[in-house]
Amino acid sequence: MAGTCPPYTAGASATFTDEVSASQQVTAGRPGLRITDGAGCAVSLDGKSVTLPALGPVNSTFESTHRVITLTNTGDVDLTAVAFQVSETHMGTANNNALAAQINVCVQSTDGRGGPWTEGNGPLWAAVNLVPTVAQNPVVMSHNPAGINHSVRFSVDVYAGKDSTRCNPVHSDGLDTNAAWNALVGHGYSTPASLNNAAIGGLVTPKLTFSFTG
């Protein structure tokens, strides 16, 4: 039929939408650790190392001057101390080898929990060959200056012919570390002998390195 329009049906075909979201900015922290007190010794410009005064010539029985070094968390994240490692360098001459085999090392630390703790104590050769020298119960260094462990202190002394006046007469105050030292040395801590003639004129340079995670 002319003029007739097809029927239409009115209806709703539109769909309403809505949404919510959450976002978060993530910034990686900047770990920082510096030697802030070198106990009168020469601290590097970047604060990462300290050189203690040369020791000697020493007698057959001796102990180095006790110096306490301070480490401070200067970054913006907490750091966790996980290990100490002692190393040493010397030229391979007979007297240097003898001196390296005959001296003892005493490593101590102090933190917000107390101390000083005997971390490692005994023959230098054992400290070098045990990896790590000291496996730490994790000590968290706070990035907050008000934190309990914002700074920690440590010392490294060398000696021969007598007990250390600083470290306890054990290889370590830590049970696991003490057991590891005992196993390597073959017995518990014992007073070291004095240097003998084989070590005359010898020269060694011990070094202590910390490992941290953050």
N, C-alpha and C. Protein backbone atom coordinates (compact mmCIF):
# COMPACT_ATOMS: atom_id res chain seq x y z
N MET A 1 0.86 -1.17 0.00
CA MET A 1 0.00 0.00 0.00
C MET A 1 0.89 1.21 0.00
N ALA A 2 0.69 2.04 -0.97
CA ALA A 2 1.52 3.23 -1.10
C ALA A 2 1.35 4.12 0.10
N GLY A 3 2.48 4.67 0.55
CA GLY A 3 2.45 5.61 1.68
C GLY A 3 2.45 4.95 3.03
N THR A 4 2.52 3.64 3.03
CA THR A 4 2.52 2.95 4.33
C THR A 4 3.96 2.74 4.78
N CYS A 5 4.29 3.18 6.00
CA CYS A 5 5.66 3.03 6.55
C CYS A 5 5.76 1.74 7.30
N PRO A 6 6.95 1.12 7.26
CA PRO A 6 7.13 -0.12 8.02
C PRO A 6 7.06 0.18 9.52
N PRO A 7 6.64 -0.76 10.27
CA PRO A 7 6.55 -0.53 11.73
C PRO A 7 7.94 -0.44 12.37
N TYR A 8 8.10 0.38 13.36
CA TYR A 8 9.35 0.52 14.12
C TYR A 8 9.08 0.17 15.58
N THR A 9 10.09 -0.39 16.20
CA THR A 9 9.96 -0.72 17.62
C THR A 9 10.95 0.13 18.40
N ALA A 10 10.49 0.90 19.33
CA ALA A 10 11.35 1.73 20.17
C ALA A 10 11.98 0.86 21.28
N GLY A 11 13.29 1.03 21.52
CA GLY A 11 13.94 0.25 22.58
C GLY A 11 15.26 0.88 23.01
N ALA A 12 15.90 0.36 24.00
CA ALA A 12 17.18 0.87 24.51
C ALA A 12 18.30 -0.09 24.09
N SER A 13 19.31 0.43 23.39
CA SER A 13 20.44 -0.40 22.97
C SER A 13 21.76 0.09 23.55
N ALA A 14 21.80 1.25 24.21
CA ALA A 14 23.02 1.79 24.80
C ALA A 14 23.38 1.03 26.08
N THR A 15 24.73 0.89 26.39
CA THR A 15 25.21 0.24 27.62
C THR A 15 25.99 1.23 28.44
N PHE A 16 25.60 1.44 29.67
CA PHE A 16 26.35 2.33 30.58
C PHE A 16 27.61 1.62 31.08
N THR A 17 28.72 2.34 31.14
CA THR A 17 29.97 1.77 31.67
C THR A 17 30.53 2.67 32.75
N ASP A 18 31.32 2.07 33.62
CA ASP A 18 31.99 2.81 34.68
C ASP A 18 33.21 2.01 35.09
N GLU A 19 34.19 2.63 35.71
CA GLU A 19 35.37 1.89 36.15
C GLU A 19 36.06 2.64 37.28
N VAL A 20 36.84 1.92 38.04
CA VAL A 20 37.69 2.51 39.07
C VAL A 20 39.10 1.95 38.87
N SER A 21 40.12 2.62 39.38
CA SER A 21 41.50 2.15 39.22
C SER A 21 42.33 2.60 40.41
N ALA A 22 43.45 1.93 40.57
CA ALA A 22 44.42 2.29 41.60
C ALA A 22 45.80 2.30 40.97
N SER A 23 46.60 3.26 41.34
CA SER A 23 47.96 3.32 40.82
C SER A 23 48.93 3.60 41.96
N GLN A 24 50.15 3.24 41.73
CA GLN A 24 51.16 3.44 42.76
C GLN A 24 52.51 3.70 42.09
N GLN A 25 53.16 4.77 42.51
CA GLN A 25 54.49 5.08 42.00
C GLN A 25 55.53 4.30 42.80
N VAL A 26 56.45 3.67 42.10
CA VAL A 26 57.50 2.87 42.74
C VAL A 26 58.85 3.49 42.42
N THR A 27 59.62 3.79 43.44
CA THR A 27 60.95 4.35 43.26
C THR A 27 61.98 3.43 43.91
N ALA A 28 62.97 3.03 43.16
CA ALA A 28 64.02 2.19 43.72
C ALA A 28 64.87 3.00 44.70
N GLY A 29 65.20 2.38 45.82
CA GLY A 29 66.00 3.07 46.83
C GLY A 29 67.46 3.19 46.43
N ARG A 30 68.15 4.03 47.14
CA ARG A 30 69.57 4.23 46.92
C ARG A 30 70.34 3.79 48.16
N PRO A 31 70.88 2.57 48.16
CA PRO A 31 71.66 2.13 49.32
C PRO A 31 72.94 2.95 49.44
N GLY A 32 73.34 3.19 50.64
CA GLY A 32 74.57 3.94 50.87
C GLY A 32 75.21 3.51 52.18
N LEU A 33 76.50 3.35 52.16
CA LEU A 33 77.23 2.94 53.36
C LEU A 33 78.57 3.64 53.34
N ARG A 34 78.89 4.31 54.43
CA ARG A 34 80.15 5.05 54.50
C ARG A 34 80.83 4.80 55.83
N ILE A 35 82.14 4.86 55.80
CA ILE A 35 82.92 4.89 57.04
C ILE A 35 82.92 6.33 57.52
N THR A 36 82.24 6.58 58.61
CA THR A 36 82.08 7.95 59.10
C THR A 36 83.04 8.29 60.23
N ASP A 37 83.73 7.29 60.76
CA ASP A 37 84.75 7.55 61.77
C ASP A 37 85.84 6.52 61.58
N GLY A 38 87.00 6.97 61.14
CA GLY A 38 88.11 6.07 60.89
C GLY A 38 89.06 5.91 62.05
N ALA A 39 88.67 6.36 63.24
CA ALA A 39 89.51 6.23 64.43
C ALA A 39 90.89 6.85 64.22
N GLY A 40 90.90 7.99 63.52
CA GLY A 40 92.16 8.68 63.27
C GLY A 40 92.94 8.14 62.10
N CYS A 41 92.39 7.16 61.38
CA CYS A 41 93.08 6.56 60.24
C CYS A 41 92.62 7.21 58.94
N ALA A 42 93.28 6.87 57.85
CA ALA A 42 93.01 7.49 56.56
C ALA A 42 91.81 6.83 55.90
N VAL A 43 90.70 7.60 55.76
CA VAL A 43 89.49 7.11 55.11
C VAL A 43 89.49 7.59 53.67
N SER A 44 89.13 6.71 52.74
CA SER A 44 89.10 7.07 51.32
C SER A 44 88.06 8.15 51.06
N LEU A 45 88.18 8.86 49.94
CA LEU A 45 87.27 9.95 49.62
C LEU A 45 85.83 9.47 49.48
N ASP A 46 85.65 8.24 49.00
CA ASP A 46 84.28 7.73 48.86
C ASP A 46 83.76 7.09 50.14
N GLY A 47 84.58 7.07 51.19
CA GLY A 47 84.15 6.53 52.47
C GLY A 47 83.97 5.03 52.49
N LYS A 48 84.55 4.31 51.51
CA LYS A 48 84.36 2.87 51.41
C LYS A 48 85.50 2.06 52.01
N SER A 49 86.63 2.68 52.29
CA SER A 49 87.75 1.92 52.85
C SER A 49 88.53 2.81 53.80
N VAL A 50 89.23 2.17 54.70
CA VAL A 50 90.08 2.88 55.66
C VAL A 50 91.40 2.14 55.74
N THR A 51 92.49 2.88 55.76
CA THR A 51 93.82 2.30 55.85
C THR A 51 94.39 2.59 57.23
N LEU A 52 94.64 1.53 57.97
CA LEU A 52 95.21 1.69 59.30
C LEU A 52 96.71 1.90 59.19
N PRO A 53 97.31 2.57 60.18
CA PRO A 53 98.76 2.80 60.12
C PRO A 53 99.54 1.50 60.05
N ALA A 54 100.65 1.55 59.36
CA ALA A 54 101.52 0.37 59.28
C ALA A 54 101.97 -0.03 60.69
N LEU A 55 102.06 -1.30 60.92
CA LEU A 55 102.42 -1.84 62.23
C LEU A 55 103.79 -2.50 62.16
N GLY A 56 104.67 -2.08 63.03
CA GLY A 56 105.97 -2.74 63.09
C GLY A 56 107.13 -1.82 62.80
N PRO A 57 108.31 -2.41 62.91
CA PRO A 57 108.60 -3.82 63.20
C PRO A 57 108.08 -4.25 64.58
N VAL A 58 107.51 -5.43 64.65
CA VAL A 58 106.94 -5.92 65.90
C VAL A 58 107.86 -6.97 66.52
N ASN A 59 107.72 -7.14 67.83
CA ASN A 59 108.43 -8.20 68.52
C ASN A 59 107.76 -9.55 68.24
N SER A 60 108.34 -10.61 68.75
CA SER A 60 107.77 -11.94 68.52
C SER A 60 106.43 -12.10 69.22
N THR A 61 106.22 -11.37 70.32
CA THR A 61 104.92 -11.31 70.98
C THR A 61 104.42 -9.87 70.86
N PHE A 62 103.23 -9.69 70.31
CA PHE A 62 102.74 -8.33 70.07
C PHE A 62 101.23 -8.32 69.93
N GLU A 63 100.66 -7.13 69.97
CA GLU A 63 99.25 -6.91 69.67
C GLU A 63 99.13 -5.52 69.07
N SER A 64 98.35 -5.39 68.02
CA SER A 64 98.20 -4.09 67.35
C SER A 64 97.38 -3.13 68.20
N THR A 65 97.51 -1.85 67.91
CA THR A 65 96.71 -0.82 68.59
C THR A 65 95.25 -0.99 68.23
N HIS A 66 94.40 -1.01 69.24
CA HIS A 66 92.96 -1.22 69.04
C HIS A 66 92.33 0.06 68.48
N ARG A 67 91.68 -0.05 67.33
CA ARG A 67 91.01 1.09 66.70
C ARG A 67 89.61 0.66 66.30
N VAL A 68 88.61 1.44 66.71
CA VAL A 68 87.21 1.14 66.43
C VAL A 68 86.73 2.01 65.27
N ILE A 69 86.29 1.38 64.20
CA ILE A 69 85.83 2.04 62.99
C ILE A 69 84.30 2.07 62.98
N THR A 70 83.71 3.19 62.54
CA THR A 70 82.26 3.34 62.52
C THR A 70 81.73 3.34 61.09
N LEU A 71 80.76 2.47 60.82
CA LEU A 71 80.04 2.42 59.55
C LEU A 71 78.66 3.03 59.75
N THR A 72 78.20 3.85 58.80
CA THR A 72 76.90 4.49 58.91
C THR A 72 76.11 4.28 57.62
N ASN A 73 74.82 3.99 57.78
CA ASN A 73 73.92 3.87 56.64
C ASN A 73 73.54 5.27 56.17
N THR A 74 74.05 5.67 55.02
CA THR A 74 73.79 7.01 54.50
C THR A 74 72.79 6.99 53.34
N GLY A 75 72.21 5.82 53.06
CA GLY A 75 71.24 5.72 51.97
C GLY A 75 69.83 5.94 52.44
N ASP A 76 68.85 5.57 51.59
CA ASP A 76 67.45 5.76 51.94
C ASP A 76 66.69 4.43 52.04
N VAL A 77 67.43 3.33 52.17
CA VAL A 77 66.83 2.03 52.43
C VAL A 77 67.62 1.34 53.54
N ASP A 78 66.96 0.45 54.24
CA ASP A 78 67.66 -0.33 55.26
C ASP A 78 68.64 -1.29 54.59
N LEU A 79 69.73 -1.59 55.27
CA LEU A 79 70.72 -2.55 54.80
C LEU A 79 70.87 -3.65 55.84
N THR A 80 71.19 -4.83 55.37
CA THR A 80 71.36 -5.96 56.27
C THR A 80 72.77 -6.51 56.14
N ALA A 81 73.51 -6.52 57.25
CA ALA A 81 74.85 -7.10 57.26
C ALA A 81 74.72 -8.61 57.29
N VAL A 82 75.37 -9.28 56.33
CA VAL A 82 75.21 -10.73 56.24
C VAL A 82 76.52 -11.51 56.41
N ALA A 83 77.68 -10.85 56.23
CA ALA A 83 78.93 -11.61 56.35
C ALA A 83 80.12 -10.68 56.50
N PHE A 84 81.17 -11.18 57.16
CA PHE A 84 82.49 -10.55 57.20
C PHE A 84 83.45 -11.50 56.48
N GLN A 85 84.37 -10.95 55.72
CA GLN A 85 85.39 -11.77 55.09
C GLN A 85 86.77 -11.17 55.30
N VAL A 86 87.67 -11.93 55.89
CA VAL A 86 89.06 -11.50 56.06
C VAL A 86 89.86 -12.04 54.87
N SER A 87 90.71 -11.19 54.33
CA SER A 87 91.65 -11.60 53.30
C SER A 87 93.02 -11.02 53.66
N GLU A 88 94.03 -11.42 52.95
CA GLU A 88 95.35 -10.86 53.18
C GLU A 88 96.19 -10.99 51.93
N THR A 89 97.17 -10.11 51.80
CA THR A 89 98.08 -10.16 50.66
C THR A 89 99.52 -10.14 51.17
N HIS A 90 100.38 -10.87 50.49
CA HIS A 90 101.81 -10.82 50.78
C HIS A 90 102.58 -11.41 49.60
N MET A 91 103.80 -10.95 49.46
CA MET A 91 104.68 -11.55 48.47
C MET A 91 105.04 -12.96 48.95
N GLY A 92 105.23 -13.88 48.01
CA GLY A 92 105.41 -15.28 48.37
C GLY A 92 106.81 -15.68 48.79
N THR A 93 107.47 -14.86 49.59
CA THR A 93 108.78 -15.24 50.12
C THR A 93 108.60 -16.08 51.37
N ALA A 94 109.65 -16.79 51.77
CA ALA A 94 109.53 -17.70 52.90
C ALA A 94 109.16 -16.98 54.20
N ASN A 95 109.75 -15.82 54.45
CA ASN A 95 109.44 -15.13 55.71
C ASN A 95 108.04 -14.54 55.70
N ASN A 96 107.58 -14.07 54.55
CA ASN A 96 106.20 -13.58 54.45
C ASN A 96 105.20 -14.71 54.66
N ASN A 97 105.49 -15.85 54.06
CA ASN A 97 104.62 -17.01 54.23
C ASN A 97 104.57 -17.43 55.70
N ALA A 98 105.71 -17.40 56.37
CA ALA A 98 105.77 -17.79 57.78
C ALA A 98 104.98 -16.82 58.64
N LEU A 99 105.13 -15.52 58.39
CA LEU A 99 104.40 -14.53 59.18
C LEU A 99 102.89 -14.70 58.99
N ALA A 100 102.45 -14.89 57.76
CA ALA A 100 101.03 -15.07 57.48
C ALA A 100 100.47 -16.30 58.20
N ALA A 101 101.32 -17.31 58.38
CA ALA A 101 100.88 -18.55 59.03
C ALA A 101 100.89 -18.46 60.55
N GLN A 102 101.58 -17.45 61.11
CA GLN A 102 101.81 -17.42 62.55
C GLN A 102 101.03 -16.34 63.30
N ILE A 103 100.45 -15.38 62.62
CA ILE A 103 99.73 -14.33 63.34
C ILE A 103 98.25 -14.66 63.46
N ASN A 104 97.65 -14.11 64.48
CA ASN A 104 96.22 -14.26 64.73
C ASN A 104 95.49 -12.96 64.44
N VAL A 105 94.18 -13.07 64.23
CA VAL A 105 93.35 -11.90 63.99
C VAL A 105 92.14 -11.94 64.92
N CYS A 106 91.75 -10.79 65.43
CA CYS A 106 90.58 -10.63 66.29
C CYS A 106 89.65 -9.62 65.65
N VAL A 107 88.45 -10.07 65.27
CA VAL A 107 87.45 -9.20 64.65
C VAL A 107 86.29 -9.03 65.63
N GLN A 108 85.96 -7.78 65.94
CA GLN A 108 84.85 -7.48 66.84
C GLN A 108 83.84 -6.57 66.14
N SER A 109 82.60 -6.61 66.63
CA SER A 109 81.61 -5.64 66.17
C SER A 109 80.71 -5.25 67.34
N THR A 110 80.15 -4.06 67.23
CA THR A 110 79.20 -3.54 68.21
C THR A 110 78.04 -2.91 67.45
N ASP A 111 76.80 -3.24 67.86
CA ASP A 111 75.64 -2.64 67.21
C ASP A 111 74.63 -2.24 68.28
N GLY A 112 73.44 -1.88 67.83
CA GLY A 112 72.43 -1.40 68.76
C GLY A 112 71.94 -2.43 69.75
N ARG A 113 72.24 -3.71 69.48
CA ARG A 113 71.83 -4.76 70.41
C ARG A 113 72.81 -4.91 71.56
N GLY A 114 74.01 -4.40 71.40
CA GLY A 114 75.03 -4.52 72.43
C GLY A 114 76.38 -4.85 71.83
N GLY A 115 77.23 -5.42 72.66
CA GLY A 115 78.57 -5.77 72.21
C GLY A 115 79.61 -5.09 73.11
N PRO A 116 80.88 -5.19 72.71
CA PRO A 116 81.36 -5.77 71.45
C PRO A 116 81.28 -7.30 71.45
N TRP A 117 80.98 -7.83 70.24
CA TRP A 117 80.91 -9.26 70.04
C TRP A 117 82.23 -9.76 69.42
N THR A 118 82.66 -10.93 69.84
CA THR A 118 83.79 -11.58 69.18
C THR A 118 83.24 -12.27 67.94
N GLU A 119 83.52 -11.69 66.77
CA GLU A 119 82.99 -12.23 65.52
C GLU A 119 83.88 -13.36 64.99
N GLY A 120 85.18 -13.13 64.98
CA GLY A 120 86.12 -14.15 64.53
C GLY A 120 87.44 -13.94 65.23
N ASN A 121 88.04 -15.01 65.73
CA ASN A 121 89.26 -14.87 66.52
C ASN A 121 90.08 -16.15 66.40
N GLY A 122 91.28 -15.99 65.86
CA GLY A 122 92.14 -17.15 65.70
C GLY A 122 93.15 -16.94 64.60
N PRO A 123 93.73 -18.00 64.07
CA PRO A 123 94.78 -17.86 63.06
C PRO A 123 94.31 -17.07 61.84
N LEU A 124 95.17 -16.18 61.37
CA LEU A 124 94.84 -15.41 60.18
C LEU A 124 94.55 -16.33 59.00
N TRP A 125 95.33 -17.40 58.85
CA TRP A 125 95.12 -18.31 57.73
C TRP A 125 93.72 -18.91 57.76
N ALA A 126 93.21 -19.19 58.97
CA ALA A 126 91.86 -19.75 59.08
C ALA A 126 90.81 -18.72 58.70
N ALA A 127 90.99 -17.49 59.15
CA ALA A 127 90.05 -16.42 58.81
C ALA A 127 89.97 -16.22 57.30
N VAL A 128 91.11 -16.35 56.63
CA VAL A 128 91.17 -16.16 55.17
C VAL A 128 90.52 -17.33 54.45
N ASN A 129 90.77 -18.54 54.92
CA ASN A 129 90.30 -19.73 54.21
C ASN A 129 88.85 -20.08 54.49
N LEU A 130 88.30 -19.55 55.58
CA LEU A 130 86.90 -19.80 55.88
C LEU A 130 86.05 -18.78 55.12
N VAL A 131 85.16 -19.26 54.26
CA VAL A 131 84.35 -18.37 53.42
C VAL A 131 82.86 -18.62 53.71
N PRO A 132 82.16 -17.65 54.33
CA PRO A 132 82.73 -16.40 54.83
C PRO A 132 83.45 -16.61 56.15
N THR A 133 84.31 -15.66 56.49
CA THR A 133 84.99 -15.72 57.79
C THR A 133 83.97 -15.74 58.91
N VAL A 134 82.94 -14.91 58.80
CA VAL A 134 81.86 -14.82 59.77
C VAL A 134 80.54 -14.76 59.02
N ALA A 135 79.65 -15.72 59.26
CA ALA A 135 78.30 -15.67 58.71
C ALA A 135 77.41 -15.01 59.77
N GLN A 136 76.97 -13.80 59.47
CA GLN A 136 76.24 -13.01 60.44
C GLN A 136 74.82 -13.52 60.66
N ASN A 137 74.34 -13.47 61.92
CA ASN A 137 72.91 -13.41 62.13
C ASN A 137 72.52 -12.03 61.62
N PRO A 138 71.62 -11.95 60.62
CA PRO A 138 71.41 -10.66 59.93
C PRO A 138 71.17 -9.51 60.89
N VAL A 139 71.97 -8.45 60.72
CA VAL A 139 71.83 -7.23 61.51
C VAL A 139 71.37 -6.13 60.56
N VAL A 140 70.18 -5.60 60.80
CA VAL A 140 69.62 -4.57 59.93
C VAL A 140 70.15 -3.20 60.34
N MET A 141 70.76 -2.51 59.36
CA MET A 141 71.21 -1.14 59.58
C MET A 141 70.13 -0.20 59.06
N SER A 142 69.52 0.54 59.95
CA SER A 142 68.41 1.42 59.59
C SER A 142 68.91 2.63 58.80
N HIS A 143 68.12 3.04 57.78
CA HIS A 143 68.45 4.28 57.07
C HIS A 143 67.98 5.50 57.83
N ASN A 144 67.20 5.27 58.87
CA ASN A 144 66.68 6.36 59.70
C ASN A 144 67.70 6.70 60.78
N PRO A 145 68.16 7.95 60.85
CA PRO A 145 69.15 8.31 61.88
C PRO A 145 68.68 8.00 63.29
N ALA A 146 67.36 7.91 63.48
CA ALA A 146 66.84 7.59 64.81
C ALA A 146 66.77 6.09 65.04
N GLY A 147 67.10 5.31 64.00
CA GLY A 147 67.03 3.86 64.12
C GLY A 147 68.10 3.31 65.05
N ILE A 148 67.82 2.14 65.61
CA ILE A 148 68.70 1.59 66.63
C ILE A 148 70.06 1.19 66.05
N ASN A 149 70.09 0.81 64.79
CA ASN A 149 71.34 0.39 64.16
C ASN A 149 71.69 1.26 62.97
N HIS A 150 71.52 2.56 63.09
CA HIS A 150 71.88 3.45 61.99
C HIS A 150 73.39 3.37 61.73
N SER A 151 74.16 3.13 62.77
CA SER A 151 75.61 2.96 62.66
C SER A 151 76.03 1.71 63.43
N VAL A 152 77.05 1.04 62.94
CA VAL A 152 77.65 -0.08 63.65
C VAL A 152 79.15 0.16 63.72
N ARG A 153 79.81 -0.48 64.66
CA ARG A 153 81.24 -0.29 64.86
C ARG A 153 81.96 -1.64 64.80
N PHE A 154 83.18 -1.60 64.31
CA PHE A 154 83.96 -2.84 64.21
C PHE A 154 85.43 -2.54 64.43
N SER A 155 86.18 -3.58 64.70
CA SER A 155 87.63 -3.45 64.85
C SER A 155 88.30 -4.72 64.34
N VAL A 156 89.53 -4.57 63.89
CA VAL A 156 90.36 -5.70 63.45
C VAL A 156 91.72 -5.55 64.10
N ASP A 157 92.07 -6.47 64.97
CA ASP A 157 93.37 -6.45 65.64
C ASP A 157 94.16 -7.70 65.24
N VAL A 158 95.47 -7.57 65.16
CA VAL A 158 96.33 -8.72 64.90
C VAL A 158 97.27 -8.89 66.09
N TYR A 159 97.64 -10.13 66.36
CA TYR A 159 98.46 -10.40 67.55
C TYR A 159 99.16 -11.74 67.42
N ALA A 160 100.12 -11.96 68.30
CA ALA A 160 100.83 -13.25 68.36
C ALA A 160 101.45 -13.40 69.74
N GLY A 161 101.61 -14.63 70.17
CA GLY A 161 102.33 -14.91 71.41
C GLY A 161 101.53 -14.73 72.69
N LYS A 162 100.28 -14.36 72.60
CA LYS A 162 99.43 -14.16 73.78
C LYS A 162 97.98 -14.10 73.32
N ASP A 163 97.07 -14.10 74.28
CA ASP A 163 95.66 -13.93 73.95
C ASP A 163 95.38 -12.47 73.60
N SER A 164 94.38 -12.26 72.76
CA SER A 164 93.91 -10.91 72.49
C SER A 164 93.35 -10.29 73.76
N THR A 165 93.64 -9.01 73.97
CA THR A 165 93.06 -8.31 75.12
C THR A 165 91.64 -7.84 74.81
N ARG A 166 91.16 -8.07 73.59
CA ARG A 166 89.84 -7.58 73.18
C ARG A 166 88.86 -8.72 72.95
N CYS A 167 89.24 -9.70 72.16
CA CYS A 167 88.33 -10.80 71.85
C CYS A 167 88.26 -11.79 73.00
N ASN A 168 87.11 -12.42 73.13
CA ASN A 168 86.96 -13.49 74.10
C ASN A 168 87.80 -14.69 73.66
N PRO A 169 88.21 -15.55 74.59
CA PRO A 169 89.05 -16.71 74.23
C PRO A 169 88.25 -17.83 73.57
N VAL A 170 87.57 -17.47 72.50
CA VAL A 170 86.81 -18.40 71.66
C VAL A 170 87.05 -17.98 70.22
N HIS A 171 86.76 -18.87 69.29
CA HIS A 171 86.86 -18.48 67.89
C HIS A 171 85.77 -17.50 67.50
N SER A 172 84.59 -17.63 68.13
CA SER A 172 83.50 -16.70 67.88
C SER A 172 82.45 -16.83 68.96
N ASP A 173 81.78 -15.70 69.26
CA ASP A 173 80.63 -15.75 70.17
C ASP A 173 79.42 -16.38 69.49
N GLY A 174 79.41 -16.40 68.17
CA GLY A 174 78.32 -17.04 67.43
C GLY A 174 78.53 -18.54 67.36
N LEU A 175 77.52 -19.31 67.74
CA LEU A 175 77.68 -20.76 67.84
C LEU A 175 78.03 -21.39 66.49
N ASP A 176 77.34 -20.99 65.42
CA ASP A 176 77.60 -21.59 64.12
C ASP A 176 78.99 -21.22 63.62
N THR A 177 79.35 -19.95 63.75
CA THR A 177 80.68 -19.51 63.31
C THR A 177 81.76 -20.17 64.14
N ASN A 178 81.56 -20.29 65.44
CA ASN A 178 82.54 -20.94 66.30
C ASN A 178 82.74 -22.40 65.88
N ALA A 179 81.65 -23.08 65.56
CA ALA A 179 81.76 -24.48 65.12
C ALA A 179 82.52 -24.58 63.80
N ALA A 180 82.28 -23.63 62.89
CA ALA A 180 82.98 -23.65 61.60
C ALA A 180 84.47 -23.43 61.78
N TRP A 181 84.85 -22.50 62.65
CA TRP A 181 86.27 -22.27 62.93
C TRP A 181 86.89 -23.50 63.59
N ASN A 182 86.20 -24.07 64.58
CA ASN A 182 86.74 -25.26 65.26
C ASN A 182 87.01 -26.38 64.27
N ALA A 183 86.08 -26.57 63.32
CA ALA A 183 86.23 -27.64 62.35
C ALA A 183 87.43 -27.39 61.44
N LEU A 184 87.64 -26.14 61.05
CA LEU A 184 88.75 -25.83 60.15
C LEU A 184 90.09 -25.92 60.86
N VAL A 185 90.16 -25.36 62.07
CA VAL A 185 91.42 -25.33 62.82
C VAL A 185 91.73 -26.71 63.40
N GLY A 186 90.69 -27.49 63.69
CA GLY A 186 90.88 -28.83 64.24
C GLY A 186 90.74 -28.88 65.74
N HIS A 187 90.45 -27.76 66.36
CA HIS A 187 90.25 -27.70 67.81
C HIS A 187 89.66 -26.34 68.15
N GLY A 188 89.32 -26.14 69.40
CA GLY A 188 88.84 -24.85 69.85
C GLY A 188 89.96 -23.83 69.92
N TYR A 189 89.60 -22.63 70.36
CA TYR A 189 90.60 -21.56 70.44
C TYR A 189 91.74 -21.96 71.38
N SER A 190 92.96 -21.58 71.01
CA SER A 190 94.11 -21.76 71.88
C SER A 190 95.03 -20.55 71.74
N THR A 191 95.75 -20.23 72.79
CA THR A 191 96.67 -19.10 72.78
C THR A 191 97.76 -19.33 71.72
N PRO A 192 97.97 -18.37 70.83
CA PRO A 192 98.95 -18.59 69.76
C PRO A 192 100.38 -18.52 70.28
N ALA A 193 101.26 -19.21 69.61
CA ALA A 193 102.68 -19.14 69.93
C ALA A 193 103.26 -17.81 69.46
N SER A 194 104.40 -17.44 70.00
CA SER A 194 105.11 -16.26 69.52
C SER A 194 105.65 -16.52 68.12
N LEU A 195 105.95 -15.46 67.41
CA LEU A 195 106.57 -15.60 66.10
C LEU A 195 107.93 -16.27 66.25
N ASN A 196 108.29 -17.10 65.29
CA ASN A 196 109.61 -17.71 65.34
C ASN A 196 110.53 -17.07 64.29
N ASN A 197 111.77 -17.55 64.24
CA ASN A 197 112.77 -16.93 63.37
C ASN A 197 112.39 -16.95 61.89
N ALA A 198 111.56 -17.91 61.49
CA ALA A 198 111.17 -18.00 60.09
C ALA A 198 110.40 -16.77 59.62
N ALA A 199 109.77 -16.07 60.57
CA ALA A 199 108.94 -14.91 60.22
C ALA A 199 109.71 -13.60 60.24
N ILE A 200 110.98 -13.62 60.61
CA ILE A 200 111.76 -12.38 60.72
C ILE A 200 111.75 -11.62 59.39
N GLY A 201 111.41 -10.35 59.47
CA GLY A 201 111.38 -9.50 58.28
C GLY A 201 110.17 -9.68 57.40
N GLY A 202 109.22 -10.52 57.80
CA GLY A 202 108.04 -10.79 56.99
C GLY A 202 107.09 -9.60 56.95
N LEU A 203 106.26 -9.55 55.92
CA LEU A 203 105.30 -8.46 55.72
C LEU A 203 104.01 -9.03 55.15
N VAL A 204 102.89 -8.79 55.83
CA VAL A 204 101.58 -9.18 55.33
C VAL A 204 100.61 -8.01 55.52
N THR A 205 99.55 -7.98 54.72
CA THR A 205 98.55 -6.92 54.82
C THR A 205 97.16 -7.55 54.93
N PRO A 206 96.60 -7.65 56.14
CA PRO A 206 95.24 -8.18 56.30
C PRO A 206 94.21 -7.14 55.85
N LYS A 207 93.02 -7.63 55.47
CA LYS A 207 91.92 -6.77 55.03
C LYS A 207 90.61 -7.39 55.47
N LEU A 208 89.67 -6.55 55.90
CA LEU A 208 88.34 -7.01 56.30
C LEU A 208 87.30 -6.38 55.38
N THR A 209 86.42 -7.22 54.81
CA THR A 209 85.37 -6.74 53.91
C THR A 209 84.02 -7.16 54.46
N PHE A 210 83.05 -6.23 54.42
CA PHE A 210 81.68 -6.51 54.85
C PHE A 210 80.81 -6.79 53.64
N SER A 211 79.82 -7.66 53.79
CA SER A 211 78.81 -7.87 52.75
C SER A 211 77.46 -7.40 53.29
N PHE A 212 76.76 -6.60 52.50
CA PHE A 212 75.45 -6.07 52.88
C PHE A 212 74.45 -6.31 51.77
N THR A 213 73.19 -6.48 52.13
CA THR A 213 72.10 -6.51 51.16
C THR A 213 71.12 -5.40 51.52
N GLY A 214 70.39 -4.94 50.53
CA GLY A 214 69.44 -3.87 50.77
C GLY A 214 68.28 -3.95 49.80
